């Protein structure tokens, strides 16, 4: 069972409060043991990627989206009530959109950012 602070981080992520989400998840990640540690790190990296994207940092967004997806890959289809497959799919979609544009154009476009959703089997 994941700590309540994790669900606070999920809420912050879904409200696109990526800096507070980073702080919340980083505190969990630093104290966690496997397998939660890598799971937290993957979500944390996707949150920071979205933060970079909001600040028009194409390179930071691309690097961290790729790293976050790579870390979460083994947690699919779901982990501890989170639909990881959906998060990986949405993050990969965003990564491909970013890779298809010129980095200088990142500030001129609007992107659909991923959301963290509960798995179908979650209470």
PDB file of N, CA and C in Angstrom:
ATOM      1  N   UNK A   1       0.846  -1.182   0.000  1.00  0.00           N
ATOM      2  CA  UNK A   1       0.000   0.000   0.000  1.00  0.00           C
ATOM      3  C   UNK A   1       0.894   1.248   0.000  1.00  0.00           C
ATOM      4  N   UNK A   2       0.558   2.170  -0.877  1.00  0.00           N
ATOM      5  CA  UNK A   2       1.352   3.395  -1.002  1.00  0.00           C
ATOM      6  C   UNK A   2       0.953   4.408   0.074  1.00  0.00           C
ATOM      7  N   UNK A   3       1.902   5.209   0.537  1.00  0.00           N
ATOM      8  CA  UNK A   3       1.600   6.198   1.581  1.00  0.00           C
ATOM      9  C   UNK A   3       0.660   7.294   1.077  1.00  0.00           C
ATOM     10  N   UNK A   4      -0.024   7.933   2.013  1.00  0.00           N
ATOM     11  CA  UNK A   4      -0.980   8.984   1.640  1.00  0.00           C
ATOM     12  C   UNK A   4      -0.290  10.139   0.922  1.00  0.00           C
ATOM     13  N   UNK A   5       0.967  10.390   1.218  1.00  0.00           N
ATOM     14  CA  UNK A   5       1.688  11.462   0.525  1.00  0.00           C
ATOM     15  C   UNK A   5       1.787  11.183  -0.972  1.00  0.00           C
ATOM     16  N   UNK A   6       1.831   9.907  -1.354  1.00  0.00           N
ATOM     17  CA  UNK A   6       1.864   9.587  -2.782  1.00  0.00           C
ATOM     18  C   UNK A   6       0.598  10.093  -3.465  1.00  0.00           C
ATOM     19  N   UNK A   7      -0.546   9.858  -2.831  1.00  0.00           N
ATOM     20  CA  UNK A   7      -1.817  10.281  -3.435  1.00  0.00           C
ATOM     21  C   UNK A   7      -1.916  11.809  -3.476  1.00  0.00           C
ATOM     22  N   UNK A   8      -1.289  12.470  -2.527  1.00  0.00           N
ATOM     23  CA  UNK A   8      -1.190  13.932  -2.587  1.00  0.00           C
ATOM     24  C   UNK A   8      -0.377  14.332  -3.817  1.00  0.00           C
ATOM     25  N   UNK A   9       0.724  13.638  -4.073  1.00  0.00           N
ATOM     26  CA  UNK A   9       1.540  13.895  -5.262  1.00  0.00           C
ATOM     27  C   UNK A   9       0.772  13.651  -6.547  1.00  0.00           C
ATOM     28  N   UNK A  10      -0.064  12.611  -6.563  1.00  0.00           N
ATOM     29  CA  UNK A  10      -0.893  12.323  -7.738  1.00  0.00           C
ATOM     30  C   UNK A  10      -1.860  13.476  -7.979  1.00  0.00           C
ATOM     31  N   UNK A  11      -2.486  13.954  -6.917  1.00  0.00           N
ATOM     32  CA  UNK A  11      -3.411  15.083  -7.046  1.00  0.00           C
ATOM     33  C   UNK A  11      -2.683  16.322  -7.573  1.00  0.00           C
ATOM     34  N   UNK A  12      -1.504  16.585  -7.051  1.00  0.00           N
ATOM     35  CA  UNK A  12      -0.716  17.727  -7.523  1.00  0.00           C
ATOM     36  C   UNK A  12      -0.351  17.552  -8.995  1.00  0.00           C
ATOM     37  N   UNK A  13       0.045  16.355  -9.384  1.00  0.00           N
ATOM     38  CA  UNK A  13       0.385  16.065 -10.776  1.00  0.00           C
ATOM     39  C   UNK A  13      -0.818  16.351 -11.672  1.00  0.00           C
ATOM     40  N   UNK A  14      -1.972  15.809 -11.296  1.00  0.00           N
ATOM     41  CA  UNK A  14      -3.166  15.953 -12.131  1.00  0.00           C
ATOM     42  C   UNK A  14      -3.697  17.382 -12.172  1.00  0.00           C
ATOM     43  N   UNK A  15      -3.348  18.184 -11.181  1.00  0.00           N
ATOM     44  CA  UNK A  15      -3.722  19.603 -11.188  1.00  0.00           C
ATOM     45  C   UNK A  15      -2.634  20.454 -11.841  1.00  0.00           C
ATOM     46  N   UNK A  16      -1.649  19.776 -12.404  1.00  0.00           N
ATOM     47  CA  UNK A  16      -0.519  20.406 -13.094  1.00  0.00           C
ATOM     48  C   UNK A  16       0.272  21.331 -12.172  1.00  0.00           C
ATOM     49  N   UNK A  17       0.334  20.951 -10.910  1.00  0.00           N
ATOM     50  CA  UNK A  17       1.172  21.633  -9.922  1.00  0.00           C
ATOM     51  C   UNK A  17       2.475  20.836  -9.830  1.00  0.00           C
ATOM     52  N   UNK A  18       3.289  20.957 -10.870  1.00  0.00           N
ATOM     53  CA  UNK A  18       4.420  20.051 -11.020  1.00  0.00           C
ATOM     54  C   UNK A  18       5.559  20.322 -10.043  1.00  0.00           C
ATOM     55  N   UNK A  19       5.764  21.559  -9.648  1.00  0.00           N
ATOM     56  CA  UNK A  19       6.836  21.828  -8.682  1.00  0.00           C
ATOM     57  C   UNK A  19       6.495  21.252  -7.308  1.00  0.00           C
ATOM     58  N   UNK A  20       5.292  21.520  -6.773  1.00  0.00           N
ATOM     59  CA  UNK A  20       4.929  20.869  -5.503  1.00  0.00           C
ATOM     60  C   UNK A  20       4.907  19.341  -5.619  1.00  0.00           C
ATOM     61  N   UNK A  21       4.461  18.832  -6.755  1.00  0.00           N
ATOM     62  CA  UNK A  21       4.462  17.387  -6.983  1.00  0.00           C
ATOM     63  C   UNK A  21       5.884  16.848  -6.880  1.00  0.00           C
ATOM     64  N   UNK A  22       6.811  17.561  -7.481  1.00  0.00           N
ATOM     65  CA  UNK A  22       8.223  17.170  -7.404  1.00  0.00           C
ATOM     66  C   UNK A  22       8.671  17.068  -5.954  1.00  0.00           C
ATOM     67  N   UNK A  23       8.351  18.081  -5.159  1.00  0.00           N
ATOM     68  CA  UNK A  23       8.763  18.078  -3.756  1.00  0.00           C
ATOM     69  C   UNK A  23       8.152  16.899  -2.999  1.00  0.00           C
ATOM     70  N   UNK A  24       6.873  16.656  -3.227  1.00  0.00           N
ATOM     71  CA  UNK A  24       6.171  15.563  -2.548  1.00  0.00           C
ATOM     72  C   UNK A  24       6.760  14.212  -2.919  1.00  0.00           C
ATOM     73  N   UNK A  25       6.913  13.971  -4.224  1.00  0.00           N
ATOM     74  CA  UNK A  25       7.395  12.666  -4.673  1.00  0.00           C
ATOM     75  C   UNK A  25       8.876  12.466  -4.394  1.00  0.00           C
ATOM     76  N   UNK A  26       9.652  13.536  -4.443  1.00  0.00           N
ATOM     77  CA  UNK A  26      11.079  13.393  -4.158  1.00  0.00           C
ATOM     78  C   UNK A  26      11.305  12.946  -2.713  1.00  0.00           C
ATOM     79  N   UNK A  27      10.520  13.493  -1.788  1.00  0.00           N
ATOM     80  CA  UNK A  27      10.645  13.085  -0.384  1.00  0.00           C
ATOM     81  C   UNK A  27      10.335  11.596  -0.228  1.00  0.00           C
ATOM     82  N   UNK A  28       9.322  11.113  -0.935  1.00  0.00           N
ATOM     83  CA  UNK A  28       8.982   9.686  -0.889  1.00  0.00           C
ATOM     84  C   UNK A  28      10.079   8.845  -1.525  1.00  0.00           C
ATOM     85  N   UNK A  29      10.537   9.277  -2.685  1.00  0.00           N
ATOM     86  CA  UNK A  29      11.551   8.539  -3.439  1.00  0.00           C
ATOM     87  C   UNK A  29      12.829   8.366  -2.620  1.00  0.00           C
ATOM     88  N   UNK A  30      13.237   9.413  -1.945  1.00  0.00           N
ATOM     89  CA  UNK A  30      14.493   9.364  -1.191  1.00  0.00           C
ATOM     90  C   UNK A  30      14.439   8.361  -0.035  1.00  0.00           C
ATOM     91  N   UNK A  31      13.259   8.120   0.505  1.00  0.00           N
ATOM     92  CA  UNK A  31      13.101   7.206   1.643  1.00  0.00           C
ATOM     93  C   UNK A  31      12.664   5.801   1.228  1.00  0.00           C
ATOM     94  N   UNK A  32      12.225   5.633  -0.004  1.00  0.00           N
ATOM     95  CA  UNK A  32      11.612   4.374  -0.448  1.00  0.00           C
ATOM     96  C   UNK A  32      12.645   3.286  -0.713  1.00  0.00           C
ATOM     97  N   UNK A  33      12.158   2.057  -0.674  1.00  0.00           N
ATOM     98  CA  UNK A  33      12.935   0.899  -1.099  1.00  0.00           C
ATOM     99  C   UNK A  33      12.246   0.317  -2.327  1.00  0.00           C
ATOM    100  N   UNK A  34      12.951  -0.550  -3.024  1.00  0.00           N
ATOM    101  CA  UNK A  34      12.366  -1.163  -4.218  1.00  0.00           C
ATOM    102  C   UNK A  34      11.231  -2.098  -3.815  1.00  0.00           C
ATOM    103  N   UNK A  35      10.205  -2.233  -4.648  1.00  0.00           N
ATOM    104  CA  UNK A  35      10.057  -1.684  -5.993  1.00  0.00           C
ATOM    105  C   UNK A  35       9.446  -0.277  -6.047  1.00  0.00           C
ATOM    106  N   UNK A  36       9.012   0.245  -4.896  1.00  0.00           N
ATOM    107  CA  UNK A  36       8.381   1.571  -4.903  1.00  0.00           C
ATOM    108  C   UNK A  36       9.346   2.670  -5.347  1.00  0.00           C
ATOM    109  N   UNK A  37      10.613   2.536  -5.004  1.00  0.00           N
ATOM    110  CA  UNK A  37      11.592   3.592  -5.284  1.00  0.00           C
ATOM    111  C   UNK A  37      11.661   3.931  -6.774  1.00  0.00           C
ATOM    112  N   UNK A  38      11.791   2.940  -7.617  1.00  0.00           N
ATOM    113  CA  UNK A  38      11.872   3.186  -9.062  1.00  0.00           C
ATOM    114  C   UNK A  38      10.539   3.693  -9.599  1.00  0.00           C
ATOM    115  N   UNK A  39       9.436   3.195  -9.054  1.00  0.00           N
ATOM    116  CA  UNK A  39       8.107   3.658  -9.451  1.00  0.00           C
ATOM    117  C   UNK A  39       7.959   5.153  -9.158  1.00  0.00           C
ATOM    118  N   UNK A  40       8.305   5.556  -7.940  1.00  0.00           N
ATOM    119  CA  UNK A  40       8.237   6.979  -7.580  1.00  0.00           C
ATOM    120  C   UNK A  40       9.149   7.812  -8.480  1.00  0.00           C
ATOM    121  N   UNK A  41      10.335   7.300  -8.749  1.00  0.00           N
ATOM    122  CA  UNK A  41      11.283   8.044  -9.576  1.00  0.00           C
ATOM    123  C   UNK A  41      10.742   8.246 -10.988  1.00  0.00           C
ATOM    124  N   UNK A  42      10.112   7.218 -11.557  1.00  0.00           N
ATOM    125  CA  UNK A  42       9.550   7.344 -12.900  1.00  0.00           C
ATOM    126  C   UNK A  42       8.477   8.418 -12.976  1.00  0.00           C
ATOM    127  N   UNK A  43       7.571   8.409 -12.009  1.00  0.00           N
ATOM    128  CA  UNK A  43       6.515   9.430 -11.990  1.00  0.00           C
ATOM    129  C   UNK A  43       7.121  10.804 -11.729  1.00  0.00           C
ATOM    130  N   UNK A  44       8.074  10.864 -10.827  1.00  0.00           N
ATOM    131  CA  UNK A  44       8.764  12.119 -10.528  1.00  0.00           C
ATOM    132  C   UNK A  44       9.409  12.697 -11.781  1.00  0.00           C
ATOM    133  N   UNK A  45      10.055  11.856 -12.572  1.00  0.00           N
ATOM    134  CA  UNK A  45      10.708  12.342 -13.790  1.00  0.00           C
ATOM    135  C   UNK A  45       9.693  12.851 -14.807  1.00  0.00           C
ATOM    136  N   UNK A  46       8.551  12.207 -14.912  1.00  0.00           N
ATOM    137  CA  UNK A  46       7.520  12.692 -15.832  1.00  0.00           C
ATOM    138  C   UNK A  46       6.971  14.031 -15.341  1.00  0.00           C
ATOM    139  N   UNK A  47       6.791  14.172 -14.038  1.00  0.00           N
ATOM    140  CA  UNK A  47       6.332  15.454 -13.479  1.00  0.00           C
ATOM    141  C   UNK A  47       7.329  16.567 -13.778  1.00  0.00           C
ATOM    142  N   UNK A  48       8.608  16.297 -13.591  1.00  0.00           N
ATOM    143  CA  UNK A  48       9.629  17.315 -13.856  1.00  0.00           C
ATOM    144  C   UNK A  48       9.704  17.611 -15.354  1.00  0.00           C
ATOM    145  N   UNK A  49       9.486  16.604 -16.186  1.00  0.00           N
ATOM    146  CA  UNK A  49       9.440  16.829 -17.637  1.00  0.00           C
ATOM    147  C   UNK A  49       8.322  17.808 -17.984  1.00  0.00           C
ATOM    148  N   UNK A  50       7.163  17.622 -17.370  1.00  0.00           N
ATOM    149  CA  UNK A  50       6.042  18.536 -17.622  1.00  0.00           C
ATOM    150  C   UNK A  50       6.356  19.939 -17.109  1.00  0.00           C
ATOM    151  N   UNK A  51       7.050  20.023 -15.994  1.00  0.00           N
ATOM    152  CA  UNK A  51       7.490  21.321 -15.472  1.00  0.00           C
ATOM    153  C   UNK A  51       8.420  21.997 -16.482  1.00  0.00           C
ATOM    154  N   UNK A  52       9.375  21.240 -17.012  1.00  0.00           N
ATOM    155  CA  UNK A  52      10.281  21.788 -18.027  1.00  0.00           C
ATOM    156  C   UNK A  52       9.501  22.250 -19.260  1.00  0.00           C
ATOM    157  N   UNK A  53       8.534  21.459 -19.675  1.00  0.00           N
ATOM    158  CA  UNK A  53       7.745  21.819 -20.851  1.00  0.00           C
ATOM    159  C   UNK A  53       7.001  23.130 -20.617  1.00  0.00           C
ATOM    160  N   UNK A  54       6.433  23.281 -19.435  1.00  0.00           N
ATOM    161  CA  UNK A  54       5.745  24.525 -19.088  1.00  0.00           C
ATOM    162  C   UNK A  54       6.678  25.732 -19.166  1.00  0.00           C
ATOM    163  N   UNK A  55       7.970  25.499 -18.944  1.00  0.00           N
ATOM    164  CA  UNK A  55       8.970  26.564 -18.994  1.00  0.00           C
ATOM    165  C   UNK A  55       9.705  26.594 -20.332  1.00  0.00           C
ATOM    166  N   UNK A  56       9.135  25.918 -21.327  1.00  0.00           N
ATOM    167  CA  UNK A  56       9.647  25.906 -22.703  1.00  0.00           C
ATOM    168  C   UNK A  56      11.045  25.302 -22.814  1.00  0.00           C
ATOM    169  N   UNK A  57      11.364  24.395 -21.904  1.00  0.00           N
ATOM    170  CA  UNK A  57      12.647  23.703 -21.930  1.00  0.00           C
ATOM    171  C   UNK A  57      12.449  22.369 -22.652  1.00  0.00           C
ATOM    172  N   UNK A  58      12.546  22.401 -23.975  1.00  0.00           N
ATOM    173  CA  UNK A  58      12.312  21.225 -24.817  1.00  0.00           C
ATOM    174  C   UNK A  58      13.247  20.090 -24.430  1.00  0.00           C
ATOM    175  N   UNK A  59      14.524  20.387 -24.320  1.00  0.00           N
ATOM    176  CA  UNK A  59      15.523  19.347 -24.057  1.00  0.00           C
ATOM    177  C   UNK A  59      15.268  18.645 -22.720  1.00  0.00           C
ATOM    178  N   UNK A  60      15.035  19.424 -21.670  1.00  0.00           N
ATOM    179  CA  UNK A  60      14.757  18.839 -20.360  1.00  0.00           C
ATOM    180  C   UNK A  60      13.510  17.980 -20.373  1.00  0.00           C
ATOM    181  N   UNK A  61      12.469  18.443 -21.073  1.00  0.00           N
ATOM    182  CA  UNK A  61      11.225  17.680 -21.161  1.00  0.00           C
ATOM    183  C   UNK A  61      11.444  16.359 -21.885  1.00  0.00           C
ATOM    184  N   UNK A  62      12.146  16.395 -23.002  1.00  0.00           N
ATOM    185  CA  UNK A  62      12.372  15.181 -23.795  1.00  0.00           C
ATOM    186  C   UNK A  62      13.201  14.167 -23.005  1.00  0.00           C
ATOM    187  N   UNK A  63      14.273  14.622 -22.398  1.00  0.00           N
ATOM    188  CA  UNK A  63      15.145  13.705 -21.653  1.00  0.00           C
ATOM    189  C   UNK A  63      14.386  13.051 -20.496  1.00  0.00           C
ATOM    190  N   UNK A  64      13.688  13.843 -19.712  1.00  0.00           N
ATOM    191  CA  UNK A  64      13.028  13.290 -18.531  1.00  0.00           C
ATOM    192  C   UNK A  64      11.789  12.477 -18.863  1.00  0.00           C
ATOM    193  N   UNK A  65      11.071  12.823 -19.930  1.00  0.00           N
ATOM    194  CA  UNK A  65       9.961  11.961 -20.357  1.00  0.00           C
ATOM    195  C   UNK A  65      10.490  10.580 -20.718  1.00  0.00           C
ATOM    196  N   UNK A  66      11.564  10.540 -21.488  1.00  0.00           N
ATOM    197  CA  UNK A  66      12.149   9.261 -21.880  1.00  0.00           C
ATOM    198  C   UNK A  66      12.611   8.448 -20.685  1.00  0.00           C
ATOM    199  N   UNK A  67      13.270   9.100 -19.734  1.00  0.00           N
ATOM    200  CA  UNK A  67      13.748   8.406 -18.531  1.00  0.00           C
ATOM    201  C   UNK A  67      12.584   7.910 -17.676  1.00  0.00           C
ATOM    202  N   UNK A  68      11.574   8.743 -17.510  1.00  0.00           N
ATOM    203  CA  UNK A  68      10.420   8.347 -16.704  1.00  0.00           C
ATOM    204  C   UNK A  68       9.686   7.163 -17.300  1.00  0.00           C
ATOM    205  N   UNK A  69       9.467   7.199 -18.603  1.00  0.00           N
ATOM    206  CA  UNK A  69       8.798   6.090 -19.288  1.00  0.00           C
ATOM    207  C   UNK A  69       9.622   4.815 -19.146  1.00  0.00           C
ATOM    208  N   UNK A  70      10.926   4.930 -19.316  1.00  0.00           N
ATOM    209  CA  UNK A  70      11.803   3.758 -19.207  1.00  0.00           C
ATOM    210  C   UNK A  70      11.696   3.139 -17.810  1.00  0.00           C
ATOM    211  N   UNK A  71      11.665   3.959 -16.796  1.00  0.00           N
ATOM    212  CA  UNK A  71      11.579   3.439 -15.427  1.00  0.00           C
ATOM    213  C   UNK A  71      10.219   2.804 -15.135  1.00  0.00           C
ATOM    214  N   UNK A  72       9.160   3.340 -15.711  1.00  0.00           N
ATOM    215  CA  UNK A  72       7.816   2.819 -15.433  1.00  0.00           C
ATOM    216  C   UNK A  72       7.447   1.613 -16.288  1.00  0.00           C
ATOM    217  N   UNK A  73       8.191   1.365 -17.333  1.00  0.00           N
ATOM    218  CA  UNK A  73       7.845   0.302 -18.283  1.00  0.00           C
ATOM    219  C   UNK A  73       7.550  -1.035 -17.589  1.00  0.00           C
ATOM    220  N   UNK A  74       8.367  -1.425 -16.647  1.00  0.00           N
ATOM    221  CA  UNK A  74       8.202  -2.713 -15.983  1.00  0.00           C
ATOM    222  C   UNK A  74       7.063  -2.777 -14.978  1.00  0.00           C
ATOM    223  N   UNK A  75       6.411  -1.658 -14.713  1.00  0.00           N
ATOM    224  CA  UNK A  75       5.308  -1.625 -13.755  1.00  0.00           C
ATOM    225  C   UNK A  75       3.945  -1.769 -14.437  1.00  0.00           C
ATOM    226  N   UNK A  76       3.943  -1.908 -15.745  1.00  0.00           N
ATOM    227  CA  UNK A  76       2.689  -2.053 -16.488  1.00  0.00           C
ATOM    228  C   UNK A  76       2.114  -3.454 -16.269  1.00  0.00           C
ATOM    229  N   UNK A  77       0.831  -3.643 -16.363  1.00  0.00           N
ATOM    230  CA  UNK A  77      -0.198  -2.665 -16.726  1.00  0.00           C
ATOM    231  C   UNK A  77      -0.636  -1.768 -15.567  1.00  0.00           C
ATOM    232  N   UNK A  78      -0.525  -2.268 -14.321  1.00  0.00           N
ATOM    233  CA  UNK A  78      -0.913  -1.421 -13.192  1.00  0.00           C
ATOM    234  C   UNK A  78      -0.034  -1.745 -12.004  1.00  0.00           C
ATOM    235  N   UNK A  79       0.087  -0.752 -11.139  1.00  0.00           N
ATOM    236  CA  UNK A  79       0.888  -0.927  -9.932  1.00  0.00           C
ATOM    237  C   UNK A  79       0.228  -0.159  -8.800  1.00  0.00           C
ATOM    238  N   UNK A  80      -0.081  -0.860  -7.730  1.00  0.00           N
ATOM    239  CA  UNK A  80      -0.626  -0.238  -6.520  1.00  0.00           C
ATOM    240  C   UNK A  80      -1.805   0.700  -6.805  1.00  0.00           C
ATOM    241  N   UNK A  81      -2.676   0.277  -7.715  1.00  0.00           N
ATOM    242  CA  UNK A  81      -3.876   1.054  -7.997  1.00  0.00           C
ATOM    243  C   UNK A  81      -3.734   2.114  -9.072  1.00  0.00           C
ATOM    244  N   UNK A  82      -2.560   2.220  -9.684  1.00  0.00           N
ATOM    245  CA  UNK A  82      -2.321   3.207 -10.744  1.00  0.00           C
ATOM    246  C   UNK A  82      -2.298   2.503 -12.093  1.00  0.00           C
ATOM    247  N   UNK A  83      -3.002   3.072 -13.056  1.00  0.00           N
ATOM    248  CA  UNK A  83      -2.981   2.568 -14.433  1.00  0.00           C
ATOM    249  C   UNK A  83      -1.679   3.035 -15.084  1.00  0.00           C
ATOM    250  N   UNK A  84      -0.640   2.258 -14.893  1.00  0.00           N
ATOM    251  CA  UNK A  84       0.686   2.626 -15.388  1.00  0.00           C
ATOM    252  C   UNK A  84       0.720   2.586 -16.911  1.00  0.00           C
ATOM    253  N   UNK A  85       0.015   1.637 -17.514  1.00  0.00           N
ATOM    254  CA  UNK A  85       0.001   1.559 -18.980  1.00  0.00           C
ATOM    255  C   UNK A  85      -0.509   2.852 -19.591  1.00  0.00           C
ATOM    256  N   UNK A  86      -1.539   3.434 -19.001  1.00  0.00           N
ATOM    257  CA  UNK A  86      -2.074   4.692 -19.510  1.00  0.00           C
ATOM    258  C   UNK A  86      -1.057   5.820 -19.360  1.00  0.00           C
ATOM    259  N   UNK A  87      -0.403   5.893 -18.212  1.00  0.00           N
ATOM    260  CA  UNK A  87       0.590   6.947 -17.990  1.00  0.00           C
ATOM    261  C   UNK A  87       1.756   6.803 -18.962  1.00  0.00           C
ATOM    262  N   UNK A  88       2.211   5.581 -19.192  1.00  0.00           N
ATOM    263  CA  UNK A  88       3.300   5.341 -20.143  1.00  0.00           C
ATOM    264  C   UNK A  88       2.850   5.712 -21.554  1.00  0.00           C
ATOM    265  N   UNK A  89       1.639   5.313 -21.931  1.00  0.00           N
ATOM    266  CA  UNK A  89       1.117   5.629 -23.264  1.00  0.00           C
ATOM    267  C   UNK A  89       1.028   7.142 -23.473  1.00  0.00           C
ATOM    268  N   UNK A  90       0.428   7.846 -22.515  1.00  0.00           N
ATOM    269  CA  UNK A  90       0.256   9.296 -22.640  1.00  0.00           C
ATOM    270  C   UNK A  90       1.602  10.022 -22.629  1.00  0.00           C
ATOM    271  N   UNK A  91       2.523   9.544 -21.836  1.00  0.00           N
ATOM    272  CA  UNK A  91       3.852  10.167 -21.783  1.00  0.00           C
ATOM    273  C   UNK A  91       4.623   9.918 -23.069  1.00  0.00           C
ATOM    274  N   UNK A  92       4.509   8.706 -23.617  1.00  0.00           N
ATOM    275  CA  UNK A  92       5.139   8.405 -24.910  1.00  0.00           C
ATOM    276  C   UNK A  92       4.540   9.249 -26.027  1.00  0.00           C
ATOM    277  N   UNK A  93       3.219   9.449 -25.976  1.00  0.00           N
ATOM    278  CA  UNK A  93       2.550  10.282 -26.984  1.00  0.00           C
ATOM    279  C   UNK A  93       3.120  11.694 -26.938  1.00  0.00           C
ATOM    280  N   UNK A  94       3.235  12.235 -25.747  1.00  0.00           N
ATOM    281  CA  UNK A  94       3.784  13.580 -25.583  1.00  0.00           C
ATOM    282  C   UNK A  94       5.236  13.625 -26.042  1.00  0.00           C
ATOM    283  N   UNK A  95       6.009  12.622 -25.705  1.00  0.00           N
ATOM    284  CA  UNK A  95       7.408  12.559 -26.123  1.00  0.00           C
ATOM    285  C   UNK A  95       7.523  12.578 -27.646  1.00  0.00           C
ATOM    286  N   UNK A  96       6.692  11.805 -28.323  1.00  0.00           N
ATOM    287  CA  UNK A  96       6.725  11.772 -29.792  1.00  0.00           C
ATOM    288  C   UNK A  96       6.326  13.125 -30.384  1.00  0.00           C
ATOM    289  N   UNK A  97       5.338  13.781 -29.766  1.00  0.00           N
ATOM    290  CA  UNK A  97       4.948  15.117 -30.232  1.00  0.00           C
ATOM    291  C   UNK A  97       6.123  16.085 -30.116  1.00  0.00           C
ATOM    292  N   UNK A  98       6.816  16.022 -29.008  1.00  0.00           N
ATOM    293  CA  UNK A  98       7.958  16.917 -28.802  1.00  0.00           C
ATOM    294  C   UNK A  98       9.094  16.614 -29.769  1.00  0.00           C
ATOM    295  N   UNK A  99       9.339  15.342 -30.008  1.00  0.00           N
ATOM    296  CA  UNK A  99      10.418  14.956 -30.910  1.00  0.00           C
ATOM    297  C   UNK A  99      10.115  15.330 -32.359  1.00  0.00           C
ATOM    298  N   UNK A 100       8.843  15.568 -32.668  1.00  0.00           N
ATOM    299  CA  UNK A 100       8.442  15.895 -34.035  1.00  0.00           C
ATOM    300  C   UNK A 100       8.501  17.392 -34.336  1.00  0.00           C
ATOM    301  N   UNK A 101       8.820  18.202 -33.337  1.00  0.00           N
ATOM    302  CA  UNK A 101       8.865  19.651 -33.564  1.00  0.00           C
ATOM    303  C   UNK A 101      10.289  20.168 -33.387  1.00  0.00           C
ATOM    304  N   UNK A 102      10.500  21.350 -33.883  1.00  0.00           N
ATOM    305  CA  UNK A 102      11.766  22.038 -33.645  1.00  0.00           C
ATOM    306  C   UNK A 102      11.772  22.534 -32.196  1.00  0.00           C
ATOM    307  N   UNK A 103      12.854  22.333 -31.476  1.00  0.00           N
ATOM    308  CA  UNK A 103      12.898  22.784 -30.081  1.00  0.00           C
ATOM    309  C   UNK A 103      12.524  24.256 -29.894  1.00  0.00           C
ATOM    310  N   UNK A 104      12.877  25.088 -30.832  1.00  0.00           N
ATOM    311  CA  UNK A 104      12.578  26.520 -30.718  1.00  0.00           C
ATOM    312  C   UNK A 104      11.077  26.801 -30.775  1.00  0.00           C
ATOM    313  N   UNK A 105      10.287  25.851 -31.300  1.00  0.00           N
ATOM    314  CA  UNK A 105       8.842  26.054 -31.435  1.00  0.00           C
ATOM    315  C   UNK A 105       8.050  25.609 -30.209  1.00  0.00           C
ATOM    316  N   UNK A 106       8.716  25.089 -29.199  1.00  0.00           N
ATOM    317  CA  UNK A 106       8.012  24.526 -28.053  1.00  0.00           C
ATOM    318  C   UNK A 106       7.139  25.562 -27.345  1.00  0.00           C
ATOM    319  N   UNK A 107       7.533  26.807 -27.357  1.00  0.00           N
ATOM    320  CA  UNK A 107       6.758  27.838 -26.663  1.00  0.00           C
ATOM    321  C   UNK A 107       5.514  28.267 -27.433  1.00  0.00           C
ATOM    322  N   UNK A 108       5.399  27.855 -28.689  1.00  0.00           N
ATOM    323  CA  UNK A 108       4.285  28.289 -29.530  1.00  0.00           C
ATOM    324  C   UNK A 108       3.147  27.277 -29.585  1.00  0.00           C
ATOM    325  N   UNK A 109       3.322  26.132 -28.960  1.00  0.00           N
ATOM    326  CA  UNK A 109       2.333  25.065 -29.053  1.00  0.00           C
ATOM    327  C   UNK A 109       1.716  24.769 -27.693  1.00  0.00           C
ATOM    328  N   UNK A 110       0.535  24.176 -27.732  1.00  0.00           N
ATOM    329  CA  UNK A 110      -0.153  23.735 -26.524  1.00  0.00           C
ATOM    330  C   UNK A 110      -0.178  22.211 -26.555  1.00  0.00           C
ATOM    331  N   UNK A 111       0.205  21.603 -25.460  1.00  0.00           N
ATOM    332  CA  UNK A 111       0.291  20.150 -25.390  1.00  0.00           C
ATOM    333  C   UNK A 111      -0.701  19.605 -24.371  1.00  0.00           C
ATOM    334  N   UNK A 112      -1.259  18.419 -24.670  1.00  0.00           N
ATOM    335  CA  UNK A 112      -2.053  17.688 -23.686  1.00  0.00           C
ATOM    336  C   UNK A 112      -1.080  16.959 -22.776  1.00  0.00           C
ATOM    337  N   UNK A 113      -1.061  17.324 -21.520  1.00  0.00           N
ATOM    338  CA  UNK A 113      -0.149  16.699 -20.577  1.00  0.00           C
ATOM    339  C   UNK A 113      -0.778  15.434 -20.008  1.00  0.00           C
ATOM    340  N   UNK A 114       0.053  14.444 -19.683  1.00  0.00           N
ATOM    341  CA  UNK A 114      -0.490  13.194 -19.140  1.00  0.00           C
ATOM    342  C   UNK A 114      -1.183  13.412 -17.801  1.00  0.00           C
ATOM    343  N   UNK A 115      -2.059  12.493 -17.478  1.00  0.00           N
ATOM    344  CA  UNK A 115      -2.727  12.442 -16.181  1.00  0.00           C
ATOM    345  C   UNK A 115      -2.432  11.079 -15.560  1.00  0.00           C
ATOM    346  N   UNK A 116      -2.439  11.025 -14.260  1.00  0.00           N
ATOM    347  CA  UNK A 116      -2.306   9.758 -13.552  1.00  0.00           C
ATOM    348  C   UNK A 116      -3.711   9.317 -13.176  1.00  0.00           C
ATOM    349  N   UNK A 117      -4.102   8.149 -13.660  1.00  0.00           N
ATOM    350  CA  UNK A 117      -5.443   7.638 -13.378  1.00  0.00           C
ATOM    351  C   UNK A 117      -5.341   6.329 -12.610  1.00  0.00           C
ATOM    352  N   UNK A 118      -6.363   6.072 -11.822  1.00  0.00           N
ATOM    353  CA  UNK A 118      -6.426   4.814 -11.083  1.00  0.00           C
ATOM    354  C   UNK A 118      -6.756   3.681 -12.051  1.00  0.00           C
ATOM    355  N   UNK A 119      -6.271   2.500 -11.718  1.00  0.00           N
ATOM    356  CA  UNK A 119      -6.569   1.334 -12.542  1.00  0.00           C
ATOM    357  C   UNK A 119      -8.025   0.931 -12.352  1.00  0.00           C
ATOM    358  N   UNK A 120      -8.533   0.185 -13.303  1.00  0.00           N
ATOM    359  CA  UNK A 120      -9.927  -0.255 -13.270  1.00  0.00           C
ATOM    360  C   UNK A 120     -10.201  -1.076 -12.009  1.00  0.00           C
ATOM    361  N   UNK A 121      -9.226  -1.836 -11.571  1.00  0.00           N
ATOM    362  CA  UNK A 121      -9.399  -2.711 -10.407  1.00  0.00           C
ATOM    363  C   UNK A 121      -9.179  -2.005  -9.079  1.00  0.00           C
ATOM    364  N   UNK A 122      -8.856  -0.728  -9.119  1.00  0.00           N
ATOM    365  CA  UNK A 122      -8.562   0.016  -7.898  1.00  0.00           C
ATOM    366  C   UNK A 122      -9.849   0.408  -7.179  1.00  0.00           C
ATOM    367  N   UNK A 123      -9.834   0.352  -5.837  1.00  0.00           N
ATOM    368  CA  UNK A 123     -11.044   0.743  -5.076  1.00  0.00           C
ATOM    369  C   UNK A 123     -11.323   2.228  -5.157  1.00  0.00           C
TER     370      UNK A 123
END
